Protein backbone atom coordinates (compact mmCIF):
# COMPACT_ATOMS: atom_id res chain seq x y z
CA MET A 1 117.94 137.08 134.33
CA LEU A 2 114.91 135.66 132.56
CA LYS A 3 112.20 134.64 135.02
CA ILE A 4 109.77 131.95 133.84
CA ASP A 5 106.62 131.07 135.80
CA ILE A 6 104.60 128.05 134.68
CA VAL A 7 101.07 127.44 135.93
CA SER A 8 99.88 123.82 135.78
CA LEU A 9 97.53 121.34 137.43
CA PHE A 10 100.36 118.78 137.46
CA PRO A 11 103.51 120.53 138.73
CA LYS A 12 105.37 117.27 139.43
CA MET A 13 105.57 116.62 135.67
CA PHE A 14 108.23 119.34 135.45
CA GLU A 15 110.63 117.97 138.07
CA GLY A 16 112.77 115.80 135.77
CA PRO A 17 113.18 117.98 132.66
CA PHE A 18 114.26 121.09 134.57
CA SER A 19 116.51 119.45 137.19
CA ASP A 20 119.22 118.04 134.92
CA SER A 21 121.65 118.97 132.14
CA LEU A 22 121.82 122.53 130.74
CA MET A 23 118.46 123.50 132.22
CA ALA A 24 119.74 122.82 135.74
CA ARG A 25 123.05 124.58 135.04
CA ALA A 26 121.31 127.67 133.66
CA GLN A 27 119.32 127.98 136.87
CA LYS A 28 122.36 127.32 139.07
CA LYS A 29 124.26 130.09 137.25
CA LYS A 30 121.25 132.38 137.79
CA LEU A 31 120.88 133.00 134.08
CA VAL A 32 117.22 131.95 134.34
CA SER A 33 114.71 131.27 137.09
CA ILE A 34 112.03 128.63 136.48
CA LYS A 35 109.20 128.17 138.96
CA ILE A 36 106.18 125.88 138.71
CA HIS A 37 102.89 126.88 140.32
CA ASP A 38 100.00 124.54 141.11
CA LEU A 39 96.84 126.00 139.59
CA ARG A 40 94.82 124.22 142.27
CA GLN A 41 96.10 126.70 144.90
CA PHE A 42 94.12 129.39 143.04
CA GLY A 43 90.97 127.24 142.87
CA LEU A 44 87.59 128.27 144.23
CA GLY A 45 85.96 127.15 147.47
CA PHE A 46 86.76 124.26 149.77
CA ARG A 47 87.38 121.89 146.84
CA LYS A 48 89.69 124.36 145.06
CA THR A 49 87.59 124.05 141.91
CA ILE A 50 89.25 125.11 138.67
CA ASP A 51 86.82 123.77 136.02
CA ASP A 52 83.10 123.50 135.29
CA ARG A 53 80.63 122.28 132.65
CA PRO A 54 80.34 124.40 129.48
CA TYR A 55 77.30 126.60 128.88
CA GLY A 56 75.31 125.40 125.88
CA GLY A 57 76.34 121.79 126.41
CA GLY A 58 79.34 119.86 125.19
CA VAL A 59 81.71 117.06 126.15
CA GLY A 60 84.08 117.46 129.10
CA MET A 61 84.94 120.26 131.47
CA ILE A 62 86.21 123.80 130.79
CA MET A 63 88.87 125.60 132.82
CA MET A 64 87.32 128.55 134.65
CA VAL A 65 88.36 132.17 134.18
CA GLU A 66 88.67 133.19 137.85
CA PRO A 67 91.44 130.78 138.98
CA ILE A 68 93.52 131.67 135.91
CA GLU A 69 93.08 135.39 136.57
CA LYS A 70 94.07 134.95 140.22
CA ALA A 71 97.24 133.09 139.22
CA ILE A 72 98.27 135.67 136.63
CA LYS A 73 97.61 138.59 138.99
CA LYS A 74 99.69 137.05 141.77
CA LEU A 75 102.63 136.28 139.50
CA LYS A 76 102.55 139.70 137.85
CA TYR A 77 102.32 141.48 141.20
CA LYS A 78 105.25 139.47 142.59
CA PHE A 79 107.33 140.43 139.57
CA LEU A 80 106.24 144.07 139.90
CA SER A 81 107.38 144.20 143.52
CA ILE A 82 110.87 143.10 142.46
CA LEU A 83 111.40 145.25 139.36
CA ARG A 84 109.00 148.10 140.23
CA LYS A 85 107.61 147.95 136.70
CA TYR A 86 105.95 145.59 134.19
CA GLU A 87 108.77 145.82 131.68
CA LYS A 88 109.11 143.03 129.09
CA THR A 89 106.52 140.69 130.63
CA LYS A 90 104.37 138.35 128.57
CA VAL A 91 101.57 135.92 129.51
CA ILE A 92 101.24 133.00 127.10
CA LEU A 93 98.50 130.39 126.84
CA LEU A 94 99.55 126.96 125.53
CA THR A 95 96.70 125.84 123.29
CA PRO A 96 96.20 124.02 119.95
CA ARG A 97 94.40 127.19 118.82
CA GLY A 98 97.56 129.26 119.15
CA LYS A 99 100.05 130.46 116.56
CA LEU A 100 102.74 127.95 115.68
CA PHE A 101 105.77 128.21 117.98
CA THR A 102 108.95 128.83 115.96
CA GLN A 103 112.64 129.45 116.50
CA ALA A 104 112.08 133.12 115.68
CA LYS A 105 109.41 133.33 118.40
CA ALA A 106 111.75 131.58 120.85
CA MET A 107 114.43 134.19 120.15
CA GLU A 108 111.90 136.96 120.77
CA LEU A 109 110.80 135.44 124.08
CA SER A 110 114.40 134.90 125.24
CA LYS A 111 114.82 138.69 125.40
CA LEU A 112 112.01 139.18 127.93
CA ASP A 113 112.40 139.79 131.66
CA HIS A 114 109.42 137.68 132.67
CA LEU A 115 107.43 134.92 130.97
CA ILE A 116 104.24 133.39 132.37
CA LEU A 117 103.12 130.14 130.71
CA ILE A 118 99.61 128.80 131.34
CA SER A 119 99.15 125.05 130.82
CA GLY A 120 95.62 123.84 130.22
CA ARG A 121 93.81 120.53 130.71
CA TYR A 122 90.45 118.96 129.94
CA GLU A 123 88.45 120.49 127.05
CA GLY A 124 90.14 123.88 127.03
CA PHE A 125 89.73 127.35 128.50
CA ASP A 126 86.82 129.69 129.08
CA GLU A 127 86.97 132.03 126.07
CA ARG A 128 87.31 135.07 128.35
CA ILE A 129 90.79 133.82 129.26
CA HIS A 130 91.75 133.97 125.58
CA GLU A 131 90.16 137.39 125.14
CA HIS A 132 91.16 139.29 128.28
CA LEU A 133 93.94 137.64 130.32
CA VAL A 134 96.77 136.59 128.01
CA ASP A 135 99.09 138.39 125.62
CA GLU A 136 99.58 135.54 123.19
CA GLU A 137 98.52 131.98 122.39
CA LEU A 138 101.05 129.40 121.18
CA SER A 139 100.86 125.87 119.83
CA ILE A 140 103.83 123.52 119.31
CA GLY A 141 102.17 121.71 116.41
CA ASP A 142 99.00 120.81 114.55
CA TYR A 143 97.84 118.15 116.97
CA VAL A 144 96.08 117.94 120.35
CA MET A 145 97.74 116.66 123.54
CA MET A 146 96.27 115.75 126.92
CA GLY A 147 97.42 119.05 128.39
CA GLY A 148 99.75 122.01 128.10
CA GLU A 149 102.54 120.66 130.32
CA LEU A 150 104.70 119.15 127.58
CA PRO A 151 104.22 122.20 125.31
CA ALA A 152 105.28 124.40 128.25
CA MET A 153 108.43 122.29 128.63
CA VAL A 154 109.17 122.57 124.91
CA VAL A 155 108.74 126.34 124.91
CA THR A 156 110.81 126.74 128.07
CA GLU A 157 113.77 124.67 126.90
CA THR A 158 113.78 126.24 123.43
CA VAL A 159 113.75 129.73 124.93
CA VAL A 160 116.28 129.05 127.70
CA ARG A 161 118.95 127.67 125.34
CA LEU A 162 118.87 131.02 123.51
CA VAL A 163 119.52 133.07 126.64
CA PRO A 164 123.08 134.44 126.47
CA HIS A 165 125.73 132.23 128.16
CA VAL A 166 123.40 129.25 128.71
CA ILE A 167 125.23 127.50 125.87
CA GLU A 168 128.92 128.31 126.27
CA LYS A 169 129.67 128.28 122.54
CA GLU A 170 127.10 130.82 121.47
CA ASP A 171 127.85 130.29 117.75
CA ALA A 172 126.15 126.91 118.23
CA THR A 173 122.75 128.62 118.08
CA LYS A 174 123.60 130.74 115.04
CA TYR A 175 124.27 127.97 112.53
CA GLU A 176 121.53 125.41 113.08
CA SER A 177 118.16 124.46 111.67
CA PHE A 178 115.81 127.47 111.55
CA SER A 179 118.53 130.03 112.38
CA ASN A 180 117.55 130.91 108.84
CA PRO A 181 113.78 130.33 109.12
CA ASN A 182 113.58 128.70 105.67
CA GLU A 183 116.48 126.26 105.93
CA LEU A 184 117.48 123.12 107.81
CA GLU A 185 121.01 122.48 108.98
CA ALA A 186 123.46 120.74 106.64
CA PRO A 187 124.61 117.15 107.44
CA GLN A 188 127.46 116.71 109.93
CA TYR A 189 130.02 113.93 110.38
CA THR A 190 132.65 112.83 112.88
CA ARG A 191 135.22 110.00 113.24
CA PRO A 192 135.78 107.44 111.83
CA GLU A 193 136.23 108.62 108.24
CA LYS A 194 135.01 105.22 106.99
CA TYR A 195 132.50 102.90 108.61
CA LYS A 196 131.04 99.80 106.88
CA GLY A 197 131.89 101.41 103.56
CA TRP A 198 130.06 104.62 104.47
CA GLU A 199 132.45 107.52 103.96
CA VAL A 200 132.65 111.11 105.12
CA PRO A 201 132.35 113.48 102.09
CA LYS A 202 135.87 114.28 100.91
CA VAL A 203 135.20 118.04 100.81
CA LEU A 204 134.90 118.05 104.62
CA LEU A 205 138.40 116.58 104.84
CA SER A 206 139.88 119.06 102.36
CA GLY A 207 140.57 121.87 104.80
CA ASP A 208 139.30 124.37 102.21
CA PRO A 209 136.85 126.70 104.03
CA VAL A 210 135.40 128.13 100.81
CA LYS A 211 134.58 124.70 99.39
CA ILE A 212 133.26 123.48 102.73
CA SER A 213 131.01 126.54 103.09
CA ALA A 214 129.63 126.04 99.56
CA TRP A 215 129.03 122.34 100.24
CA LYS A 216 127.16 123.11 103.49
CA ARG A 217 125.00 125.65 101.69
CA ASP A 218 124.09 123.19 98.93
CA GLU A 219 123.45 120.38 101.40
CA SER A 220 121.29 122.62 103.57
CA LEU A 221 119.06 123.35 100.58
CA ARG A 222 119.00 119.67 99.58
CA VAL A 223 117.94 118.51 103.06
CA THR A 224 115.32 121.26 103.30
CA LYS A 225 113.81 120.35 99.91
CA LYS A 226 113.73 116.69 100.91
CA ASN A 227 112.35 116.96 104.45
CA ARG A 228 110.59 120.35 104.58
CA PRO A 229 109.67 121.53 101.07
CA ASP A 230 107.07 123.79 102.66
CA LEU A 231 109.89 125.98 103.99
CA ILE A 232 111.28 126.48 100.49
CA LYS A 233 107.82 127.56 99.25
CA GLU A 234 107.60 130.12 102.05
């Protein structure tokens, strides 16, 4: 079972996305365990402080190193007490500075025993968190959000759907966009065959698997060149 721990200042944001559909079923079947932890419980002093002003000046507040370290240590120790070892555990920081999150990375993470995701807020993290406390930094795109909660949800759902038996028809994850990292999925159609003069390509109605496979290959390349030419260049 893949265990996912998410640390956030706003744990209630995760209630809806993880309590319905396949995400809820995966947890009910005990294929995955997803737990949300309030960073404030690891805060310092009476006020449970988790941020402070940056040295050298600057706009906004920076998330402090000590509360993050306390959270990671507690979650790692809890996991250690269950498995008796730190096998296949990874701590990931969600930050715009991170490497771009991809389907290939999601597949890699789906094979872990334990995943700890750290969601940030405000103007970012104390650099010592980047340097000493996490195994990897990930970004879901070249833009900046208000916090790491939505990126944590994106990473979690993308990873969970790749865990064996979460999706009953496992071939569904083998023939989709980015299953080949440089291609998008070919177009798909369903009934009716004709709608407002828009027709399903005749090859898909032919019943000829060789022709259909060739058509899907050509269409996959066409769609990729149209929508993501950067993938073709790579």
